[in-house]
PDB file of N, CA and C in Angstrom:
ATOM      1  N   UNK A   1      19.881   9.434   4.398  1.00  0.00           N
ATOM      2  CA  UNK A   1      20.118   7.936   4.455  1.00  0.00           C
ATOM      3  C   UNK A   1      19.732   6.755   2.814  1.00  0.00           C
ATOM      4  N   UNK A   2      21.070   6.385   2.919  1.00  0.00           N
ATOM      5  CA  UNK A   2      21.015   5.779   1.311  1.00  0.00           C
ATOM      6  C   UNK A   2      19.747   4.108   1.243  1.00  0.00           C
ATOM      7  N   UNK A   3      19.075   3.920   0.809  1.00  0.00           N
ATOM      8  CA  UNK A   3      18.626   3.089   1.192  1.00  0.00           C
ATOM      9  C   UNK A   3      19.831   1.749   0.151  1.00  0.00           C
ATOM     10  N   UNK A   4      19.965   0.975   0.464  1.00  0.00           N
ATOM     11  CA  UNK A   4      20.383  -0.014  -0.246  1.00  0.00           C
ATOM     12  C   UNK A   4      19.082  -0.934  -1.285  1.00  0.00           C
ATOM     13  N   UNK A   5      20.567  -1.193  -2.655  1.00  0.00           N
ATOM     14  CA  UNK A   5      19.107  -1.835  -3.425  1.00  0.00           C
ATOM     15  C   UNK A   5      19.064  -3.189  -3.150  1.00  0.00           C
ATOM     16  N   UNK A   6      17.713  -3.967  -3.005  1.00  0.00           N
ATOM     17  CA  UNK A   6      17.505  -5.590  -3.696  1.00  0.00           C
ATOM     18  C   UNK A   6      17.454  -6.214  -4.364  1.00  0.00           C
ATOM     19  N   UNK A   7      18.623  -7.175  -5.338  1.00  0.00           N
ATOM     20  CA  UNK A   7      18.135  -7.135  -6.380  1.00  0.00           C
ATOM     21  C   UNK A   7      17.238  -9.023  -6.224  1.00  0.00           C
ATOM     22  N   UNK A   8      16.128  -9.012  -6.401  1.00  0.00           N
ATOM     23  CA  UNK A   8      14.918 -10.192  -6.353  1.00  0.00           C
ATOM     24  C   UNK A   8      14.421 -10.751  -8.204  1.00  0.00           C
ATOM     25  N   UNK A   9      15.535 -11.928  -8.287  1.00  0.00           N
ATOM     26  CA  UNK A   9      15.041 -12.487  -9.830  1.00  0.00           C
ATOM     27  C   UNK A   9      15.178 -11.251 -10.628  1.00  0.00           C
ATOM     28  N   UNK A  10      16.758 -10.617 -10.992  1.00  0.00           N
ATOM     29  CA  UNK A  10      16.454  -9.908 -11.743  1.00  0.00           C
ATOM     30  C   UNK A  10      15.997  -8.403 -11.817  1.00  0.00           C
ATOM     31  N   UNK A  11      15.710  -8.071 -10.945  1.00  0.00           N
ATOM     32  CA  UNK A  11      14.784  -6.717 -10.947  1.00  0.00           C
ATOM     33  C   UNK A  11      15.088  -6.132  -9.271  1.00  0.00           C
ATOM     34  N   UNK A  12      15.791  -4.690  -9.810  1.00  0.00           N
ATOM     35  CA  UNK A  12      16.065  -4.105  -8.514  1.00  0.00           C
ATOM     36  C   UNK A  12      14.674  -3.756  -7.537  1.00  0.00           C
ATOM     37  N   UNK A  13      14.811  -3.506  -6.313  1.00  0.00           N
ATOM     38  CA  UNK A  13      13.224  -2.710  -5.385  1.00  0.00           C
ATOM     39  C   UNK A  13      14.003  -1.737  -4.238  1.00  0.00           C
ATOM     40  N   UNK A  14      13.413  -1.206  -4.548  1.00  0.00           N
ATOM     41  CA  UNK A  14      13.844   0.112  -3.129  1.00  0.00           C
ATOM     42  C   UNK A  14      12.399   0.041  -2.586  1.00  0.00           C
ATOM     43  N   UNK A  15      12.553   0.463  -1.598  1.00  0.00           N
ATOM     44  CA  UNK A  15      11.580   0.777  -0.016  1.00  0.00           C
ATOM     45  C   UNK A  15      11.417   1.904   0.001  1.00  0.00           C
ATOM     46  N   UNK A  16      10.323   1.719  -0.871  1.00  0.00           N
ATOM     47  CA  UNK A  16       9.574   3.952  -0.319  1.00  0.00           C
ATOM     48  C   UNK A  16       8.952   4.303   1.094  1.00  0.00           C
ATOM     49  N   UNK A  17       9.902   4.481   2.518  1.00  0.00           N
ATOM     50  CA  UNK A  17       9.259   4.869   3.469  1.00  0.00           C
ATOM     51  C   UNK A  17       8.918   6.369   3.717  1.00  0.00           C
ATOM     52  N   UNK A  18       7.636   7.027   4.279  1.00  0.00           N
ATOM     53  CA  UNK A  18       7.293   8.093   4.249  1.00  0.00           C
ATOM     54  C   UNK A  18       6.261   8.373   5.433  1.00  0.00           C
ATOM     55  N   UNK A  19       6.527   9.275   6.154  1.00  0.00           N
ATOM     56  CA  UNK A  19       5.708   9.912   7.456  1.00  0.00           C
ATOM     57  C   UNK A  19       3.902   9.424   6.929  1.00  0.00           C
ATOM     58  N   UNK A  20       2.570   9.027   7.645  1.00  0.00           N
ATOM     59  CA  UNK A  20       1.344   8.770   7.562  1.00  0.00           C
ATOM     60  C   UNK A  20       0.935  10.540   7.190  1.00  0.00           C
ATOM     61  N   UNK A  21       1.615  11.643   7.978  1.00  0.00           N
ATOM     62  CA  UNK A  21       1.007  12.674   7.736  1.00  0.00           C
ATOM     63  C   UNK A  21       2.430  13.452   6.735  1.00  0.00           C
ATOM     64  N   UNK A  22       2.508  13.986   6.147  1.00  0.00           N
ATOM     65  CA  UNK A  22       3.155  14.909   5.169  1.00  0.00           C
ATOM     66  C   UNK A  22       3.524  16.009   6.857  1.00  0.00           C
ATOM     67  N   UNK A  23       4.484  16.797   6.544  1.00  0.00           N
ATOM     68  CA  UNK A  23       4.975  17.521   6.949  1.00  0.00           C
ATOM     69  C   UNK A  23       4.729  18.936   6.692  1.00  0.00           C
ATOM     70  N   UNK A  24       4.118  19.685   7.986  1.00  0.00           N
ATOM     71  CA  UNK A  24       4.038  21.022   7.152  1.00  0.00           C
ATOM     72  C   UNK A  24       4.708  21.889   7.671  1.00  0.00           C
ATOM     73  N   UNK A  25       4.456  22.816   6.851  1.00  0.00           N
ATOM     74  CA  UNK A  25       5.698  24.148   6.414  1.00  0.00           C
ATOM     75  C   UNK A  25       6.211  24.910   7.303  1.00  0.00           C
ATOM     76  N   UNK A  26       7.482  24.710   7.998  1.00  0.00           N
ATOM     77  CA  UNK A  26       8.271  25.456   9.162  1.00  0.00           C
ATOM     78  C   UNK A  26       8.000  24.430  10.641  1.00  0.00           C
ATOM     79  N   UNK A  27       7.398  22.949   9.929  1.00  0.00           N
ATOM     80  CA  UNK A  27       7.869  22.364  11.509  1.00  0.00           C
ATOM     81  C   UNK A  27       7.963  20.900  11.165  1.00  0.00           C
ATOM     82  N   UNK A  28       8.840  20.833  12.413  1.00  0.00           N
ATOM     83  CA  UNK A  28       9.839  18.908  11.903  1.00  0.00           C
ATOM     84  C   UNK A  28       8.810  18.408  11.707  1.00  0.00           C
ATOM     85  N   UNK A  29       9.162  16.734  11.648  1.00  0.00           N
ATOM     86  CA  UNK A  29       8.366  16.108  11.206  1.00  0.00           C
ATOM     87  C   UNK A  29       7.373  15.349  12.560  1.00  0.00           C
ATOM     88  N   UNK A  30       6.689  14.488  11.887  1.00  0.00           N
ATOM     89  CA  UNK A  30       5.760  14.340  12.407  1.00  0.00           C
ATOM     90  C   UNK A  30       5.835  12.470  12.544  1.00  0.00           C
ATOM     91  N   UNK A  31       6.228  12.021  13.593  1.00  0.00           N
ATOM     92  CA  UNK A  31       6.186  10.411  13.027  1.00  0.00           C
ATOM     93  C   UNK A  31       5.672   9.617  14.270  1.00  0.00           C
ATOM     94  N   UNK A  32       4.854  10.439  15.108  1.00  0.00           N
ATOM     95  CA  UNK A  32       3.659   9.655  15.792  1.00  0.00           C
ATOM     96  C   UNK A  32       2.300   8.903  15.396  1.00  0.00           C
ATOM     97  N   UNK A  33       2.263   9.444  13.909  1.00  0.00           N
ATOM     98  CA  UNK A  33       1.104   9.147  13.230  1.00  0.00           C
ATOM     99  C   UNK A  33       1.270   7.742  12.478  1.00  0.00           C
ATOM    100  N   UNK A  34       2.791   7.555  12.774  1.00  0.00           N
ATOM    101  CA  UNK A  34       3.105   6.363  11.668  1.00  0.00           C
ATOM    102  C   UNK A  34       3.560   6.525   9.938  1.00  0.00           C
ATOM    103  N   UNK A  35       3.713   5.590   9.426  1.00  0.00           N
ATOM    104  CA  UNK A  35       4.779   5.305   7.814  1.00  0.00           C
ATOM    105  C   UNK A  35       3.467   5.163   7.155  1.00  0.00           C
ATOM    106  N   UNK A  36       3.697   5.334   6.187  1.00  0.00           N
ATOM    107  CA  UNK A  36       3.409   4.464   4.612  1.00  0.00           C
ATOM    108  C   UNK A  36       4.015   3.671   3.737  1.00  0.00           C
ATOM    109  N   UNK A  37       4.052   4.001   3.213  1.00  0.00           N
ATOM    110  CA  UNK A  37       4.648   2.956   2.222  1.00  0.00           C
ATOM    111  C   UNK A  37       4.822   2.369   0.525  1.00  0.00           C
ATOM    112  N   UNK A  38       5.423   2.489  -0.293  1.00  0.00           N
ATOM    113  CA  UNK A  38       5.497   2.186  -1.716  1.00  0.00           C
ATOM    114  C   UNK A  38       6.916   1.698  -1.404  1.00  0.00           C
ATOM    115  N   UNK A  39       7.109   0.272  -2.975  1.00  0.00           N
ATOM    116  CA  UNK A  39       7.975   0.896  -3.739  1.00  0.00           C
ATOM    117  C   UNK A  39       8.399   0.755  -4.930  1.00  0.00           C
ATOM    118  N   UNK A  40       9.378   0.971  -5.804  1.00  0.00           N
ATOM    119  CA  UNK A  40       9.758   1.097  -6.608  1.00  0.00           C
ATOM    120  C   UNK A  40      10.594  -0.177  -6.686  1.00  0.00           C
ATOM    121  N   UNK A  41      10.243  -0.690  -8.019  1.00  0.00           N
ATOM    122  CA  UNK A  41      10.304  -1.995  -8.874  1.00  0.00           C
ATOM    123  C   UNK A  41      11.639  -1.906 -10.101  1.00  0.00           C
ATOM    124  N   UNK A  42      12.822  -1.774 -10.066  1.00  0.00           N
ATOM    125  CA  UNK A  42      13.085  -0.789 -11.843  1.00  0.00           C
ATOM    126  C   UNK A  42      13.998  -2.428 -12.187  1.00  0.00           C
ATOM    127  N   UNK A  43      14.256  -2.076 -13.780  1.00  0.00           N
ATOM    128  CA  UNK A  43      14.955  -3.152 -14.016  1.00  0.00           C
ATOM    129  C   UNK A  43      16.160  -2.328 -14.128  1.00  0.00           C
ATOM    130  N   UNK A  44      17.440  -3.536 -14.415  1.00  0.00           N
ATOM    131  CA  UNK A  44      18.972  -2.990 -14.448  1.00  0.00           C
ATOM    132  C   UNK A  44      18.650  -1.827 -15.926  1.00  0.00           C
ATOM    133  N   UNK A  45      19.486  -1.531 -15.627  1.00  0.00           N
ATOM    134  CA  UNK A  45      20.113  -0.234 -16.316  1.00  0.00           C
ATOM    135  C   UNK A  45      20.240  -0.878 -17.741  1.00  0.00           C
ATOM    136  N   UNK A  46      20.204  -0.237 -18.971  1.00  0.00           N
ATOM    137  CA  UNK A  46      20.944  -0.946 -20.254  1.00  0.00           C
ATOM    138  C   UNK A  46      22.175  -0.535 -20.486  1.00  0.00           C
ATOM    139  N   UNK A  47      22.330  -0.823 -21.863  1.00  0.00           N
ATOM    140  CA  UNK A  47      23.892   0.184 -21.786  1.00  0.00           C
ATOM    141  C   UNK A  47      23.900   1.071 -22.081  1.00  0.00           C
ATOM    142  N   UNK A  48      23.128   1.708 -23.285  1.00  0.00           N
ATOM    143  CA  UNK A  48      22.829   3.652 -23.171  1.00  0.00           C
ATOM    144  C   UNK A  48      22.418   3.901 -21.868  1.00  0.00           C
ATOM    145  N   UNK A  49      22.118   3.582 -21.119  1.00  0.00           N
ATOM    146  CA  UNK A  49      21.240   4.360 -19.518  1.00  0.00           C
ATOM    147  C   UNK A  49      20.434   4.326 -19.326  1.00  0.00           C
ATOM    148  N   UNK A  50      19.258   3.700 -20.210  1.00  0.00           N
ATOM    149  CA  UNK A  50      17.657   3.396 -19.788  1.00  0.00           C
ATOM    150  C   UNK A  50      17.510   2.183 -19.123  1.00  0.00           C
ATOM    151  N   UNK A  51      16.338   2.405 -18.497  1.00  0.00           N
ATOM    152  CA  UNK A  51      15.860   1.403 -17.684  1.00  0.00           C
ATOM    153  C   UNK A  51      14.557   1.548 -17.093  1.00  0.00           C
ATOM    154  N   UNK A  52      13.490   1.042 -16.534  1.00  0.00           N
ATOM    155  CA  UNK A  52      12.130   1.052 -16.866  1.00  0.00           C
ATOM    156  C   UNK A  52      11.161   0.699 -14.954  1.00  0.00           C
ATOM    157  N   UNK A  53      10.665   1.586 -14.786  1.00  0.00           N
ATOM    158  CA  UNK A  53      10.830   1.238 -13.381  1.00  0.00           C
ATOM    159  C   UNK A  53       8.716   1.868 -12.712  1.00  0.00           C
ATOM    160  N   UNK A  54       8.579   1.281 -11.892  1.00  0.00           N
ATOM    161  CA  UNK A  54       7.273   1.509 -11.823  1.00  0.00           C
ATOM    162  C   UNK A  54       7.542   1.650 -10.387  1.00  0.00           C
ATOM    163  N   UNK A  55       6.296   2.381  -9.546  1.00  0.00           N
ATOM    164  CA  UNK A  55       5.952   2.447  -8.030  1.00  0.00           C
ATOM    165  C   UNK A  55       5.010   1.836  -7.874  1.00  0.00           C
ATOM    166  N   UNK A  56       4.559   1.228  -7.129  1.00  0.00           N
ATOM    167  CA  UNK A  56       3.423   0.526  -5.956  1.00  0.00           C
ATOM    168  C   UNK A  56       3.808   1.204  -4.561  1.00  0.00           C
ATOM    169  N   UNK A  57       2.236   1.061  -4.500  1.00  0.00           N
ATOM    170  CA  UNK A  57       2.066   1.951  -3.375  1.00  0.00           C
ATOM    171  C   UNK A  57       1.514   0.157  -2.480  1.00  0.00           C
ATOM    172  N   UNK A  58       1.851   0.384  -0.876  1.00  0.00           N
ATOM    173  CA  UNK A  58       1.294  -0.811  -0.266  1.00  0.00           C
ATOM    174  C   UNK A  58       0.305  -0.206   0.483  1.00  0.00           C
ATOM    175  N   UNK A  59      -0.769  -1.004  -0.023  1.00  0.00           N
ATOM    176  CA  UNK A  59      -2.290  -0.663   1.022  1.00  0.00           C
ATOM    177  C   UNK A  59      -2.280  -1.547   1.860  1.00  0.00           C
ATOM    178  N   UNK A  60      -2.190  -0.933   2.894  1.00  0.00           N
ATOM    179  CA  UNK A  60      -2.898  -1.412   3.952  1.00  0.00           C
ATOM    180  C   UNK A  60      -3.882  -0.395   4.132  1.00  0.00           C
ATOM    181  N   UNK A  61      -4.664  -1.582   6.047  1.00  0.00           N
ATOM    182  CA  UNK A  61      -6.218  -0.233   6.435  1.00  0.00           C
ATOM    183  C   UNK A  61      -5.239   0.381   7.483  1.00  0.00           C
ATOM    184  N   UNK A  62      -4.440   0.525   8.412  1.00  0.00           N
ATOM    185  CA  UNK A  62      -3.732   1.678   8.936  1.00  0.00           C
ATOM    186  C   UNK A  62      -2.101   2.050   8.936  1.00  0.00           C
ATOM    187  N   UNK A  63      -1.883   3.038   8.871  1.00  0.00           N
ATOM    188  CA  UNK A  63      -0.666   3.762   8.612  1.00  0.00           C
ATOM    189  C   UNK A  63       0.137   2.265   9.641  1.00  0.00           C
ATOM    190  N   UNK A  64       1.572   1.660   9.432  1.00  0.00           N
ATOM    191  CA  UNK A  64       2.911   1.441   9.909  1.00  0.00           C
ATOM    192  C   UNK A  64       3.188   1.534  11.032  1.00  0.00           C
ATOM    193  N   UNK A  65       3.460   1.664  12.520  1.00  0.00           N
ATOM    194  CA  UNK A  65       3.605   1.508  13.953  1.00  0.00           C
ATOM    195  C   UNK A  65       5.208   2.952  13.282  1.00  0.00           C
ATOM    196  N   UNK A  66       6.433   1.728  12.602  1.00  0.00           N
ATOM    197  CA  UNK A  66       7.540   1.787  12.440  1.00  0.00           C
ATOM    198  C   UNK A  66       7.821   1.987  10.950  1.00  0.00           C
ATOM    199  N   UNK A  67       8.976   2.492  10.772  1.00  0.00           N
ATOM    200  CA  UNK A  67       9.809   3.134   9.664  1.00  0.00           C
ATOM    201  C   UNK A  67      10.124   1.557   9.191  1.00  0.00           C
ATOM    202  N   UNK A  68      10.637   0.664   9.919  1.00  0.00           N
ATOM    203  CA  UNK A  68      11.003  -1.034   9.944  1.00  0.00           C
ATOM    204  C   UNK A  68      10.162  -1.877   8.888  1.00  0.00           C
ATOM    205  N   UNK A  69       8.956  -1.548   9.791  1.00  0.00           N
ATOM    206  CA  UNK A  69       7.458  -2.191   9.398  1.00  0.00           C
ATOM    207  C   UNK A  69       7.388  -1.646   8.584  1.00  0.00           C
ATOM    208  N   UNK A  70       7.485  -0.802   7.995  1.00  0.00           N
ATOM    209  CA  UNK A  70       7.321  -1.012   6.619  1.00  0.00           C
ATOM    210  C   UNK A  70       8.050  -0.598   5.681  1.00  0.00           C
ATOM    211  N   UNK A  71       9.229  -0.959   5.277  1.00  0.00           N
ATOM    212  CA  UNK A  71      10.191  -1.004   4.456  1.00  0.00           C
ATOM    213  C   UNK A  71      10.307  -2.960   4.983  1.00  0.00           C
ATOM    214  N   UNK A  72       9.854  -3.169   5.806  1.00  0.00           N
ATOM    215  CA  UNK A  72       9.989  -4.784   5.156  1.00  0.00           C
ATOM    216  C   UNK A  72       8.512  -5.065   4.574  1.00  0.00           C
ATOM    217  N   UNK A  73       6.996  -4.273   4.992  1.00  0.00           N
ATOM    218  CA  UNK A  73       6.287  -5.145   3.952  1.00  0.00           C
ATOM    219  C   UNK A  73       6.472  -3.840   2.625  1.00  0.00           C
ATOM    220  N   UNK A  74       7.413  -3.149   2.205  1.00  0.00           N
ATOM    221  CA  UNK A  74       7.340  -2.286   1.214  1.00  0.00           C
ATOM    222  C   UNK A  74       8.185  -4.167   0.261  1.00  0.00           C
ATOM    223  N   UNK A  75       8.839  -4.425   0.816  1.00  0.00           N
ATOM    224  CA  UNK A  75      10.100  -5.554   0.182  1.00  0.00           C
ATOM    225  C   UNK A  75       9.584  -6.395  -0.297  1.00  0.00           C
ATOM    226  N   UNK A  76       8.558  -6.815   1.131  1.00  0.00           N
ATOM    227  CA  UNK A  76       7.344  -8.297   0.666  1.00  0.00           C
ATOM    228  C   UNK A  76       6.533  -8.174  -0.097  1.00  0.00           C
ATOM    229  N   UNK A  77       5.812  -7.260  -0.228  1.00  0.00           N
ATOM    230  CA  UNK A  77       5.055  -6.786  -1.517  1.00  0.00           C
ATOM    231  C   UNK A  77       5.847  -6.967  -2.842  1.00  0.00           C
ATOM    232  N   UNK A  78       6.760  -6.282  -3.171  1.00  0.00           N
ATOM    233  CA  UNK A  78       7.302  -6.748  -4.495  1.00  0.00           C
ATOM    234  C   UNK A  78       7.500  -7.948  -5.013  1.00  0.00           C
ATOM    235  N   UNK A  79       8.446  -8.337  -3.996  1.00  0.00           N
ATOM    236  CA  UNK A  79       8.596  -9.871  -4.113  1.00  0.00           C
ATOM    237  C   UNK A  79       6.800 -10.469  -4.518  1.00  0.00           C
ATOM    238  N   UNK A  80       5.609 -10.506  -3.436  1.00  0.00           N
ATOM    239  CA  UNK A  80       4.757 -10.830  -3.942  1.00  0.00           C
ATOM    240  C   UNK A  80       4.323 -10.370  -5.629  1.00  0.00           C
ATOM    241  N   UNK A  81       4.269  -9.515  -6.008  1.00  0.00           N
ATOM    242  CA  UNK A  81       3.860  -8.978  -6.785  1.00  0.00           C
ATOM    243  C   UNK A  81       4.932  -9.596  -8.373  1.00  0.00           C
ATOM    244  N   UNK A  82       6.570  -9.450  -8.231  1.00  0.00           N
ATOM    245  CA  UNK A  82       7.153 -10.286  -8.799  1.00  0.00           C
ATOM    246  C   UNK A  82       6.914 -12.091  -9.362  1.00  0.00           C
ATOM    247  N   UNK A  83       6.690 -12.941  -7.820  1.00  0.00           N
ATOM    248  CA  UNK A  83       6.456 -14.303  -8.097  1.00  0.00           C
ATOM    249  C   UNK A  83       4.904 -14.392  -8.743  1.00  0.00           C
ATOM    250  N   UNK A  84       3.962 -13.364  -8.367  1.00  0.00           N
ATOM    251  CA  UNK A  84       2.317 -13.377  -8.652  1.00  0.00           C
ATOM    252  C   UNK A  84       2.644 -13.308 -10.647  1.00  0.00           C
ATOM    253  N   UNK A  85       3.628 -12.703 -10.972  1.00  0.00           N
ATOM    254  CA  UNK A  85       3.747 -12.545 -12.482  1.00  0.00           C
ATOM    255  C   UNK A  85       3.588 -13.472 -13.454  1.00  0.00           C
ATOM    256  N   UNK A  86       2.963 -13.703 -13.957  1.00  0.00           N
ATOM    257  CA  UNK A  86       3.222 -15.093 -15.535  1.00  0.00           C
ATOM    258  C   UNK A  86       4.901 -14.736 -16.231  1.00  0.00           C
ATOM    259  N   UNK A  87       5.215 -16.245 -16.448  1.00  0.00           N
ATOM    260  CA  UNK A  87       6.499 -15.953 -16.769  1.00  0.00           C
ATOM    261  C   UNK A  87       6.450 -15.250 -18.217  1.00  0.00           C
ATOM    262  N   UNK A  88       5.822 -14.863 -18.970  1.00  0.00           N
ATOM    263  CA  UNK A  88       5.992 -14.518 -19.933  1.00  0.00           C
ATOM    264  C   UNK A  88       5.667 -12.631 -19.866  1.00  0.00           C
ATOM    265  N   UNK A  89       5.353 -12.635 -19.385  1.00  0.00           N
ATOM    266  CA  UNK A  89       5.112 -10.472 -18.612  1.00  0.00           C
ATOM    267  C   UNK A  89       5.868  -9.939 -18.240  1.00  0.00           C
ATOM    268  N   UNK A  90       5.506  -8.935 -18.247  1.00  0.00           N
ATOM    269  CA  UNK A  90       6.835  -7.955 -16.599  1.00  0.00           C
ATOM    270  C   UNK A  90       6.465  -7.377 -15.279  1.00  0.00           C
ATOM    271  N   UNK A  91       6.509  -7.507 -14.707  1.00  0.00           N
ATOM    272  CA  UNK A  91       5.770  -6.969 -13.172  1.00  0.00           C
ATOM    273  C   UNK A  91       5.544  -5.418 -13.794  1.00  0.00           C
ATOM    274  N   UNK A  92       5.855  -4.758 -14.468  1.00  0.00           N
ATOM    275  CA  UNK A  92       6.312  -3.417 -14.690  1.00  0.00           C
ATOM    276  C   UNK A  92       4.861  -3.080 -15.425  1.00  0.00           C
ATOM    277  N   UNK A  93       4.690  -3.792 -16.663  1.00  0.00           N
ATOM    278  CA  UNK A  93       3.275  -4.255 -17.064  1.00  0.00           C
ATOM    279  C   UNK A  93       2.238  -4.098 -16.520  1.00  0.00           C
ATOM    280  N   UNK A  94       2.241  -4.482 -15.523  1.00  0.00           N
ATOM    281  CA  UNK A  94       0.867  -4.995 -14.586  1.00  0.00           C
ATOM    282  C   UNK A  94       0.051  -3.550 -14.468  1.00  0.00           C
ATOM    283  N   UNK A  95      -1.208  -3.836 -14.827  1.00  0.00           N
ATOM    284  CA  UNK A  95      -2.494  -2.877 -14.629  1.00  0.00           C
ATOM    285  C   UNK A  95      -2.420  -2.645 -12.880  1.00  0.00           C
ATOM    286  N   UNK A  96      -2.928  -1.412 -12.814  1.00  0.00           N
ATOM    287  CA  UNK A  96      -2.918  -0.993 -11.183  1.00  0.00           C
ATOM    288  C   UNK A  96      -4.590  -1.216 -11.244  1.00  0.00           C
TER     289      UNK A  96
END
């Protein structure tokens, strides 16, 4: 599945959603335990093809019950990070 890029204030947002429990070798996906989420925030590519990006985990107390909720939470978290960053700094320079 291709995830569309969302542009927000000049930055690209890529939601990252994955099963809470990793898939064991030789078995199918286990979606019953829910999903975790993260988000990649990336600057648009420069003319030379380079760009900076960073992944931020979405910290919640328990797994999301479905992938849609996890995706929406990762986009909302990225927008929050971008909005709360001072105008003279980049969200990519935030310390964890």
